[in-house]
Amino acid sequence: LQLVESGGDLVQPGGSLRLSCAASGLPSGLPLDYFAIGWFRQAPGKERDFVASVSRQGGGTMYAGSVKGRATISRNNAENTVWLHMSRLKSEDTAVYYCAAGPGVDLTQQQNLYADWGQGTQVTVFS
């Protein structure tokens, strides 16, 4: 399973972004809804942190406290795509954002349960 993130950009505080995660190369016989999808981020000099997760069918979501109320994760399994929309961006949101797929799990922030990771997309919030 390959994941490719896009949508990262330079934005001013208070702005918004929509990050996309496109999945391809699904193991034969497995649809994307076999996988939980999560977004994580890593700021310079810091560990990678959980941002959001969406359930396999898209009906359930989970957010880190730092982004709750400012982030919306969604997915379209037919299009093999997951999005993370973030608004009211702050300087502390600056990080490389990664999407990850967890086979056979649902709504988890445990990084070790996510088997496949994208290369990341840079989000920089500056004034």
N, C-alpha and C. Protein backbone atom coordinates (compact mmCIF):
# COMPACT_ATOMS: atom_id res chain seq x y z
N LEU A 1 0.85 -1.18 0.00
CA LEU A 1 0.00 0.00 0.00
C LEU A 1 0.89 1.24 0.00
N GLN A 2 0.65 2.12 -0.98
CA GLN A 2 1.40 3.37 -1.06
C GLN A 2 0.47 4.53 -0.72
N LEU A 3 1.00 5.45 0.03
CA LEU A 3 0.25 6.64 0.42
C LEU A 3 1.04 7.87 0.00
N VAL A 4 0.36 8.80 -0.63
CA VAL A 4 1.01 10.02 -1.08
C VAL A 4 0.21 11.22 -0.57
N GLU A 5 0.88 12.03 0.24
CA GLU A 5 0.25 13.22 0.78
C GLU A 5 0.50 14.41 -0.14
N SER A 6 -0.42 15.34 -0.10
CA SER A 6 -0.26 16.60 -0.85
C SER A 6 -1.07 17.67 -0.15
N GLY A 7 -0.83 18.91 -0.57
CA GLY A 7 -1.62 20.02 -0.05
C GLY A 7 -0.88 20.88 0.96
N GLY A 8 0.31 20.46 1.38
CA GLY A 8 1.06 21.28 2.31
C GLY A 8 1.47 22.61 1.68
N ASP A 9 1.60 23.63 2.51
CA ASP A 9 1.86 24.95 1.96
C ASP A 9 2.36 25.89 3.06
N LEU A 10 2.74 27.08 2.63
CA LEU A 10 3.04 28.17 3.56
C LEU A 10 1.76 28.96 3.76
N VAL A 11 1.35 29.13 4.99
CA VAL A 11 0.12 29.87 5.26
C VAL A 11 0.33 30.79 6.44
N GLN A 12 -0.47 31.81 6.51
CA GLN A 12 -0.40 32.75 7.63
C GLN A 12 -1.27 32.24 8.78
N PRO A 13 -0.97 32.65 9.98
CA PRO A 13 -1.82 32.27 11.12
C PRO A 13 -3.26 32.65 10.85
N GLY A 14 -4.14 31.75 11.25
CA GLY A 14 -5.56 31.98 11.01
C GLY A 14 -6.05 31.41 9.70
N GLY A 15 -5.13 31.00 8.85
CA GLY A 15 -5.50 30.46 7.55
C GLY A 15 -5.94 29.01 7.65
N SER A 16 -6.21 28.42 6.50
CA SER A 16 -6.67 27.05 6.47
C SER A 16 -6.01 26.30 5.32
N LEU A 17 -6.01 24.98 5.45
CA LEU A 17 -5.44 24.10 4.44
C LEU A 17 -6.25 22.82 4.37
N ARG A 18 -6.23 22.20 3.20
CA ARG A 18 -6.77 20.85 3.10
C ARG A 18 -5.67 19.94 2.58
N LEU A 19 -5.30 19.00 3.40
CA LEU A 19 -4.29 18.00 3.02
C LEU A 19 -4.99 16.78 2.46
N SER A 20 -4.38 16.19 1.44
CA SER A 20 -4.93 14.99 0.82
C SER A 20 -3.97 13.83 0.97
N CYS A 21 -4.53 12.65 1.04
CA CYS A 21 -3.74 11.42 1.11
C CYS A 21 -4.34 10.45 0.11
N ALA A 22 -3.59 10.15 -0.94
CA ALA A 22 -4.06 9.25 -1.98
C ALA A 22 -3.44 7.88 -1.79
N ALA A 23 -4.28 6.85 -1.76
CA ALA A 23 -3.81 5.49 -1.57
C ALA A 23 -3.81 4.74 -2.89
N SER A 24 -2.77 3.94 -3.07
CA SER A 24 -2.69 3.09 -4.26
C SER A 24 -1.97 1.80 -3.88
N GLY A 25 -1.99 0.85 -4.82
CA GLY A 25 -1.29 -0.40 -4.57
C GLY A 25 -1.88 -1.20 -3.44
N LEU A 26 -3.21 -1.12 -3.30
CA LEU A 26 -3.87 -1.89 -2.24
C LEU A 26 -3.60 -3.38 -2.43
N PRO A 27 -3.28 -4.05 -1.34
CA PRO A 27 -3.08 -5.50 -1.45
C PRO A 27 -4.30 -6.16 -2.09
N SER A 28 -4.08 -7.12 -2.94
CA SER A 28 -5.16 -7.71 -3.72
C SER A 28 -6.28 -8.21 -2.82
N GLY A 29 -7.49 -7.84 -3.19
CA GLY A 29 -8.65 -8.28 -2.44
C GLY A 29 -9.00 -7.42 -1.25
N LEU A 30 -8.17 -6.46 -0.94
CA LEU A 30 -8.45 -5.61 0.22
C LEU A 30 -8.85 -4.21 -0.23
N PRO A 31 -10.05 -3.78 0.13
CA PRO A 31 -10.45 -2.42 -0.17
C PRO A 31 -9.87 -1.45 0.85
N LEU A 32 -9.92 -0.18 0.55
CA LEU A 32 -9.36 0.80 1.48
C LEU A 32 -10.09 0.77 2.82
N ASP A 33 -11.37 0.37 2.82
CA ASP A 33 -12.09 0.38 4.09
C ASP A 33 -11.69 -0.76 5.01
N TYR A 34 -10.68 -1.53 4.62
CA TYR A 34 -10.08 -2.48 5.55
C TYR A 34 -9.09 -1.77 6.49
N PHE A 35 -8.76 -0.55 6.13
CA PHE A 35 -7.70 0.17 6.84
C PHE A 35 -8.25 1.39 7.58
N ALA A 36 -7.86 1.52 8.82
CA ALA A 36 -8.03 2.82 9.47
C ALA A 36 -7.00 3.76 8.87
N ILE A 37 -7.33 5.01 8.77
CA ILE A 37 -6.40 6.01 8.26
C ILE A 37 -6.19 7.07 9.33
N GLY A 38 -4.96 7.40 9.54
CA GLY A 38 -4.64 8.43 10.52
C GLY A 38 -3.73 9.48 9.93
N TRP A 39 -3.77 10.65 10.50
CA TRP A 39 -2.83 11.72 10.18
C TRP A 39 -1.97 11.97 11.41
N PHE A 40 -0.69 12.13 11.17
CA PHE A 40 0.27 12.42 12.22
C PHE A 40 1.12 13.59 11.75
N ARG A 41 1.84 14.20 12.67
CA ARG A 41 2.72 15.30 12.27
C ARG A 41 3.98 15.29 13.13
N GLN A 42 5.03 15.82 12.53
CA GLN A 42 6.31 15.91 13.23
C GLN A 42 6.90 17.28 13.01
N ALA A 43 7.01 18.01 14.09
CA ALA A 43 7.62 19.33 14.06
C ALA A 43 9.13 19.19 14.21
N PRO A 44 9.88 20.18 13.76
CA PRO A 44 11.34 20.10 13.85
C PRO A 44 11.80 19.84 15.28
N GLY A 45 12.64 18.84 15.46
CA GLY A 45 13.19 18.55 16.77
C GLY A 45 12.25 17.87 17.73
N LYS A 46 11.07 17.47 17.23
CA LYS A 46 10.09 16.84 18.11
C LYS A 46 9.70 15.47 17.60
N GLU A 47 9.06 14.70 18.44
CA GLU A 47 8.59 13.40 18.04
C GLU A 47 7.34 13.53 17.17
N ARG A 48 7.07 12.47 16.44
CA ARG A 48 5.87 12.45 15.62
C ARG A 48 4.65 12.25 16.52
N ASP A 49 3.64 13.08 16.30
CA ASP A 49 2.45 13.06 17.14
C ASP A 49 1.20 12.74 16.33
N PHE A 50 0.24 12.17 17.01
CA PHE A 50 -1.07 11.89 16.42
C PHE A 50 -1.83 13.20 16.19
N VAL A 51 -2.53 13.26 15.07
CA VAL A 51 -3.37 14.42 14.77
C VAL A 51 -4.85 13.99 14.72
N ALA A 52 -5.14 13.01 13.86
CA ALA A 52 -6.54 12.60 13.68
C ALA A 52 -6.60 11.21 13.08
N SER A 53 -7.73 10.55 13.33
CA SER A 53 -7.97 9.24 12.75
C SER A 53 -9.42 9.18 12.30
N VAL A 54 -9.67 8.42 11.23
CA VAL A 54 -11.03 8.24 10.74
C VAL A 54 -11.31 6.75 10.64
N SER A 55 -12.53 6.36 11.02
CA SER A 55 -12.90 4.96 11.01
C SER A 55 -12.97 4.44 9.58
N ARG A 56 -13.03 3.13 9.46
CA ARG A 56 -12.95 2.51 8.14
C ARG A 56 -14.02 3.00 7.19
N GLN A 57 -15.24 3.17 7.68
CA GLN A 57 -16.33 3.62 6.82
C GLN A 57 -16.50 5.13 6.84
N GLY A 58 -15.71 5.79 7.66
CA GLY A 58 -15.74 7.24 7.69
C GLY A 58 -16.73 7.83 8.67
N GLY A 59 -17.45 6.99 9.40
CA GLY A 59 -18.48 7.51 10.30
C GLY A 59 -17.96 7.97 11.64
N GLY A 60 -16.76 7.57 11.99
CA GLY A 60 -16.20 7.94 13.27
C GLY A 60 -14.88 8.66 13.11
N THR A 61 -14.61 9.61 13.99
CA THR A 61 -13.36 10.36 13.93
C THR A 61 -12.80 10.53 15.34
N MET A 62 -11.51 10.77 15.39
CA MET A 62 -10.81 11.01 16.64
C MET A 62 -9.77 12.08 16.39
N TYR A 63 -9.61 13.01 17.33
CA TYR A 63 -8.68 14.11 17.14
C TYR A 63 -7.80 14.31 18.37
N ALA A 64 -6.61 14.77 18.12
CA ALA A 64 -5.76 15.22 19.22
C ALA A 64 -6.35 16.49 19.81
N GLY A 65 -6.13 16.67 21.09
CA GLY A 65 -6.68 17.85 21.74
C GLY A 65 -6.19 19.15 21.12
N SER A 66 -4.97 19.14 20.61
CA SER A 66 -4.37 20.35 20.08
C SER A 66 -5.04 20.83 18.79
N VAL A 67 -5.76 19.95 18.12
CA VAL A 67 -6.40 20.33 16.85
C VAL A 67 -7.92 20.20 16.90
N LYS A 68 -8.45 19.66 17.99
CA LYS A 68 -9.90 19.45 18.06
C LYS A 68 -10.63 20.77 17.91
N GLY A 69 -11.63 20.75 17.04
CA GLY A 69 -12.38 21.96 16.75
C GLY A 69 -11.80 22.76 15.60
N ARG A 70 -10.58 22.41 15.19
CA ARG A 70 -9.94 23.11 14.06
C ARG A 70 -9.64 22.16 12.90
N ALA A 71 -9.76 20.87 13.15
CA ALA A 71 -9.42 19.89 12.13
C ALA A 71 -10.62 19.00 11.82
N THR A 72 -10.72 18.60 10.57
CA THR A 72 -11.75 17.66 10.14
C THR A 72 -11.10 16.63 9.23
N ILE A 73 -11.22 15.37 9.63
CA ILE A 73 -10.70 14.29 8.80
C ILE A 73 -11.87 13.60 8.12
N SER A 74 -11.69 13.24 6.87
CA SER A 74 -12.75 12.58 6.12
C SER A 74 -12.11 11.66 5.09
N ARG A 75 -12.91 10.76 4.55
CA ARG A 75 -12.38 9.83 3.57
C ARG A 75 -13.44 9.49 2.54
N ASN A 76 -12.98 9.11 1.36
CA ASN A 76 -13.85 8.60 0.32
C ASN A 76 -13.21 7.29 -0.14
N ASN A 77 -13.75 6.19 0.31
CA ASN A 77 -13.13 4.90 0.00
C ASN A 77 -13.21 4.56 -1.49
N ALA A 78 -14.25 5.02 -2.13
CA ALA A 78 -14.38 4.75 -3.57
C ALA A 78 -13.28 5.45 -4.36
N GLU A 79 -12.82 6.59 -3.83
CA GLU A 79 -11.76 7.34 -4.50
C GLU A 79 -10.39 7.07 -3.89
N ASN A 80 -10.35 6.20 -2.88
CA ASN A 80 -9.08 5.87 -2.21
C ASN A 80 -8.36 7.13 -1.72
N THR A 81 -9.11 8.04 -1.15
CA THR A 81 -8.53 9.31 -0.71
C THR A 81 -9.03 9.67 0.68
N VAL A 82 -8.13 10.25 1.44
CA VAL A 82 -8.45 10.75 2.77
C VAL A 82 -8.00 12.20 2.83
N TRP A 83 -8.75 13.03 3.52
CA TRP A 83 -8.42 14.45 3.64
C TRP A 83 -8.31 14.85 5.10
N LEU A 84 -7.51 15.87 5.30
CA LEU A 84 -7.45 16.53 6.61
C LEU A 84 -7.57 18.02 6.35
N HIS A 85 -8.69 18.57 6.78
CA HIS A 85 -8.89 20.01 6.64
C HIS A 85 -8.58 20.66 7.98
N MET A 86 -7.72 21.66 7.93
CA MET A 86 -7.36 22.37 9.16
C MET A 86 -7.61 23.85 8.97
N SER A 87 -8.20 24.46 9.98
CA SER A 87 -8.49 25.88 9.94
C SER A 87 -7.90 26.56 11.17
N ARG A 88 -7.96 27.88 11.16
CA ARG A 88 -7.42 28.69 12.27
C ARG A 88 -6.02 28.19 12.63
N LEU A 89 -5.20 28.06 11.61
CA LEU A 89 -3.86 27.53 11.80
C LEU A 89 -3.03 28.43 12.69
N LYS A 90 -2.18 27.78 13.47
CA LYS A 90 -1.29 28.47 14.40
C LYS A 90 0.16 28.11 14.06
N SER A 91 1.08 28.89 14.56
CA SER A 91 2.49 28.61 14.29
C SER A 91 2.88 27.22 14.79
N GLU A 92 2.25 26.79 15.86
CA GLU A 92 2.58 25.47 16.41
C GLU A 92 2.05 24.32 15.57
N ASP A 93 1.29 24.63 14.54
CA ASP A 93 0.85 23.59 13.60
C ASP A 93 1.92 23.30 12.55
N THR A 94 2.97 24.10 12.53
CA THR A 94 4.05 23.88 11.57
C THR A 94 4.69 22.52 11.81
N ALA A 95 4.70 21.70 10.76
CA ALA A 95 5.21 20.34 10.87
C ALA A 95 5.14 19.67 9.51
N VAL A 96 5.77 18.51 9.43
CA VAL A 96 5.53 17.62 8.30
C VAL A 96 4.36 16.72 8.69
N TYR A 97 3.37 16.67 7.81
CA TYR A 97 2.17 15.89 8.08
C TYR A 97 2.22 14.59 7.28
N TYR A 98 1.95 13.50 7.98
CA TYR A 98 1.98 12.17 7.38
C TYR A 98 0.61 11.51 7.50
N CYS A 99 0.22 10.79 6.45
CA CYS A 99 -0.93 9.91 6.61
C CYS A 99 -0.41 8.48 6.72
N ALA A 100 -1.21 7.66 7.38
CA ALA A 100 -0.81 6.28 7.64
C ALA A 100 -2.03 5.39 7.60
N ALA A 101 -1.81 4.14 7.22
CA ALA A 101 -2.89 3.17 7.12
C ALA A 101 -2.67 2.03 8.10
N GLY A 102 -3.71 1.72 8.84
CA GLY A 102 -3.65 0.64 9.80
C GLY A 102 -4.53 -0.50 9.39
N PRO A 103 -3.95 -1.61 8.97
CA PRO A 103 -4.76 -2.73 8.49
C PRO A 103 -5.54 -3.39 9.60
N GLY A 104 -6.84 -3.51 9.39
CA GLY A 104 -7.67 -4.25 10.32
C GLY A 104 -7.92 -3.59 11.66
N VAL A 105 -7.54 -2.33 11.80
CA VAL A 105 -7.80 -1.62 13.05
C VAL A 105 -8.73 -0.45 12.76
N ASP A 106 -9.18 0.19 13.81
CA ASP A 106 -10.14 1.27 13.64
C ASP A 106 -9.93 2.32 14.70
N LEU A 107 -9.96 3.57 14.26
CA LEU A 107 -9.90 4.72 15.15
C LEU A 107 -8.86 4.52 16.27
N THR A 108 -7.63 4.60 15.91
CA THR A 108 -6.58 4.49 16.90
C THR A 108 -5.52 5.55 16.69
N GLN A 109 -4.94 5.99 17.79
CA GLN A 109 -3.83 6.94 17.71
C GLN A 109 -2.50 6.25 17.97
N GLN A 110 -2.54 4.93 18.11
CA GLN A 110 -1.32 4.19 18.37
C GLN A 110 -0.53 4.03 17.09
N GLN A 111 0.62 4.67 17.03
CA GLN A 111 1.40 4.68 15.80
C GLN A 111 1.86 3.28 15.40
N ASN A 112 2.09 2.42 16.36
CA ASN A 112 2.60 1.10 16.03
C ASN A 112 1.56 0.23 15.33
N LEU A 113 0.31 0.66 15.33
CA LEU A 113 -0.74 -0.10 14.64
C LEU A 113 -0.90 0.33 13.18
N TYR A 114 -0.19 1.38 12.79
CA TYR A 114 -0.24 1.85 11.41
C TYR A 114 0.96 1.27 10.68
N ALA A 115 0.69 0.46 9.67
CA ALA A 115 1.75 -0.28 9.00
C ALA A 115 2.38 0.46 7.83
N ASP A 116 1.60 1.28 7.16
CA ASP A 116 2.07 1.96 5.95
C ASP A 116 2.00 3.46 6.14
N TRP A 117 3.04 4.14 5.70
CA TRP A 117 3.17 5.58 5.90
C TRP A 117 3.55 6.26 4.59
N GLY A 118 3.04 7.48 4.43
CA GLY A 118 3.45 8.28 3.29
C GLY A 118 4.75 9.01 3.61
N GLN A 119 5.21 9.79 2.62
CA GLN A 119 6.46 10.52 2.77
C GLN A 119 6.29 11.87 3.46
N GLY A 120 5.06 12.32 3.58
CA GLY A 120 4.80 13.55 4.30
C GLY A 120 4.66 14.78 3.40
N THR A 121 3.98 15.78 3.91
CA THR A 121 3.83 17.06 3.22
C THR A 121 4.04 18.16 4.26
N GLN A 122 4.79 19.18 3.86
CA GLN A 122 5.19 20.24 4.79
C GLN A 122 4.11 21.31 4.92
N VAL A 123 3.77 21.60 6.15
CA VAL A 123 2.88 22.72 6.46
C VAL A 123 3.67 23.71 7.30
N THR A 124 3.74 24.94 6.84
CA THR A 124 4.46 25.98 7.57
C THR A 124 3.52 27.14 7.79
N VAL A 125 3.34 27.50 9.04
CA VAL A 125 2.48 28.61 9.41
C VAL A 125 3.37 29.74 9.90
N PHE A 126 3.35 30.87 9.20
CA PHE A 126 4.24 31.97 9.53
C PHE A 126 3.51 33.28 9.37
N SER A 127 4.00 34.26 10.08
CA SER A 127 3.40 35.60 9.98
C SER A 127 4.38 36.58 9.37
